[in-house]
Protein backbone atom coordinates (compact mmCIF):
# COMPACT_ATOMS: atom_id res chain seq x y z
CA MET A 1 7.17 6.78 -31.86
CA ARG A 2 6.98 9.59 -34.39
CA ASN A 3 3.29 10.22 -33.66
CA SER A 4 4.02 10.66 -29.93
CA THR A 5 6.79 13.16 -30.67
CA MET A 6 4.55 15.16 -33.00
CA THR A 7 1.77 15.20 -30.39
CA ARG A 8 4.13 16.46 -27.70
CA ALA A 9 5.54 19.12 -29.99
CA SER A 10 2.10 20.36 -31.03
CA VAL A 11 0.91 20.52 -27.41
CA ALA A 12 4.05 22.47 -26.48
CA VAL A 13 3.54 24.92 -29.36
CA LEU A 14 -0.14 25.43 -28.48
CA ALA A 15 0.63 25.96 -24.77
CA SER A 16 3.39 28.45 -25.63
CA ALA A 17 1.10 30.31 -28.02
CA ALA A 18 -1.68 30.49 -25.41
CA PHE A 19 0.74 31.83 -22.80
CA LEU A 20 2.14 34.43 -25.20
CA TRP A 21 -1.41 35.49 -26.10
CA ALA A 22 -2.25 35.88 -22.40
CA LEU A 23 0.92 37.96 -21.92
CA THR A 24 -0.09 40.14 -24.87
CA LEU A 25 -3.58 40.66 -23.44
CA SER A 26 -2.20 41.51 -20.00
CA ALA A 27 0.15 44.11 -21.51
CA SER A 28 -2.50 45.78 -23.66
CA PRO A 29 -5.73 46.71 -21.82
CA GLN A 30 -7.38 47.98 -25.04
CA LEU A 31 -6.81 44.66 -26.80
CA HIS A 32 -7.99 42.79 -23.72
CA GLU A 33 -11.20 44.82 -23.71
CA ARG A 34 -11.79 44.01 -27.39
CA VAL A 35 -11.53 40.29 -26.63
CA HIS A 36 -13.51 40.48 -23.35
CA PRO A 37 -16.15 43.24 -23.22
CA ASP A 38 -16.35 42.93 -19.42
CA ALA A 39 -12.57 43.22 -18.90
CA ASN A 40 -12.86 46.51 -16.98
CA GLN A 41 -15.09 45.03 -14.26
CA ILE A 42 -13.75 43.83 -10.92
CA GLU A 43 -15.34 40.36 -11.14
CA HIS A 44 -13.64 39.61 -14.47
CA ASN A 45 -11.23 36.66 -14.21
CA CYS A 46 -9.15 35.23 -17.01
CA ALA A 47 -5.54 34.21 -17.64
CA ALA A 48 -4.61 37.76 -18.67
CA THR A 49 -5.86 39.25 -15.39
CA PHE A 50 -4.04 36.55 -13.41
CA ILE A 51 -0.80 37.36 -15.21
CA ALA A 52 -1.31 41.11 -14.84
CA SER A 53 -2.00 40.88 -11.11
CA GLY A 54 0.89 38.51 -10.48
CA ASN A 55 -1.05 36.00 -8.40
CA TYR A 56 -3.95 33.59 -8.65
CA HIS A 57 -6.29 35.79 -6.63
CA HIS A 58 -7.24 38.83 -8.66
CA ALA A 59 -7.28 41.19 -5.70
CA PRO A 60 -3.87 42.74 -5.11
CA ALA A 61 -2.26 42.32 -1.73
CA ALA A 62 -2.82 45.20 0.65
CA LEU A 63 0.22 47.30 1.36
CA LEU A 64 1.19 47.68 4.97
CA ILE A 65 2.23 51.28 5.33
CA ARG A 66 2.28 52.92 8.72
CA ALA A 67 3.31 56.36 9.83
CA PRO A 68 6.45 56.30 11.93
CA VAL A 69 5.82 56.38 15.64
CA PRO A 70 7.37 59.49 17.19
CA LEU A 71 9.95 58.57 19.75
CA GLY A 72 10.15 60.79 22.78
CA ASP A 73 13.24 61.56 24.75
CA PHE A 74 14.74 58.45 26.21
CA ASP A 75 14.90 58.75 29.97
CA ILE A 76 17.75 56.52 31.00
CA PRO A 77 18.18 56.43 34.77
CA ALA A 78 21.67 56.93 36.08
CA LEU A 79 23.43 53.63 36.34
CA SER A 80 24.53 52.72 39.84
CA PRO A 81 27.23 50.12 40.36
CA ARG A 82 26.12 46.97 42.16
CA TRP A 83 28.31 44.13 43.24
CA SER A 84 27.12 40.59 42.73
CA GLN A 85 29.04 37.45 43.51
CA PRO A 86 30.08 35.53 40.40
CA VAL A 87 28.32 32.21 39.97
CA PHE A 88 31.47 30.25 39.17
CA LEU A 89 32.89 30.89 42.67
CA VAL A 90 30.29 28.51 44.10
CA ALA A 91 31.98 25.67 42.23
CA SER A 92 35.42 26.54 43.65
CA VAL A 93 34.95 23.79 46.25
CA PHE A 94 35.88 21.26 43.54
CA GLU A 95 39.02 23.14 42.50
CA HIS A 96 41.49 21.27 44.68
CA ALA A 97 39.80 17.89 44.97
CA PRO A 98 41.97 14.82 44.82
CA PRO A 99 42.22 13.28 41.34
CA ALA A 100 40.57 10.07 42.47
CA ASN A 101 37.34 11.91 43.38
CA SER A 102 37.20 14.27 40.44
């Protein structure tokens, strides 16, 4: 039981240390270039570049920026009143039906 606990603890410490090292490399480009000589190239992939970019794919997402579309004058035609028969008046036949048939 004690051996299993020590194994888990050592794996957790090593994983935490590796993640902190990757965070350090992603924060310091000069240190990252000392560790990886090809760190300034586009094809370079490592944990530090994944953390620095914020996603698994190294290429950053393209920003969708568009110029606002100029809106012209709105030509609203003059509203003319129109009479239409309400739909519920068609059902008025059933208004005064005897209770036995309703």
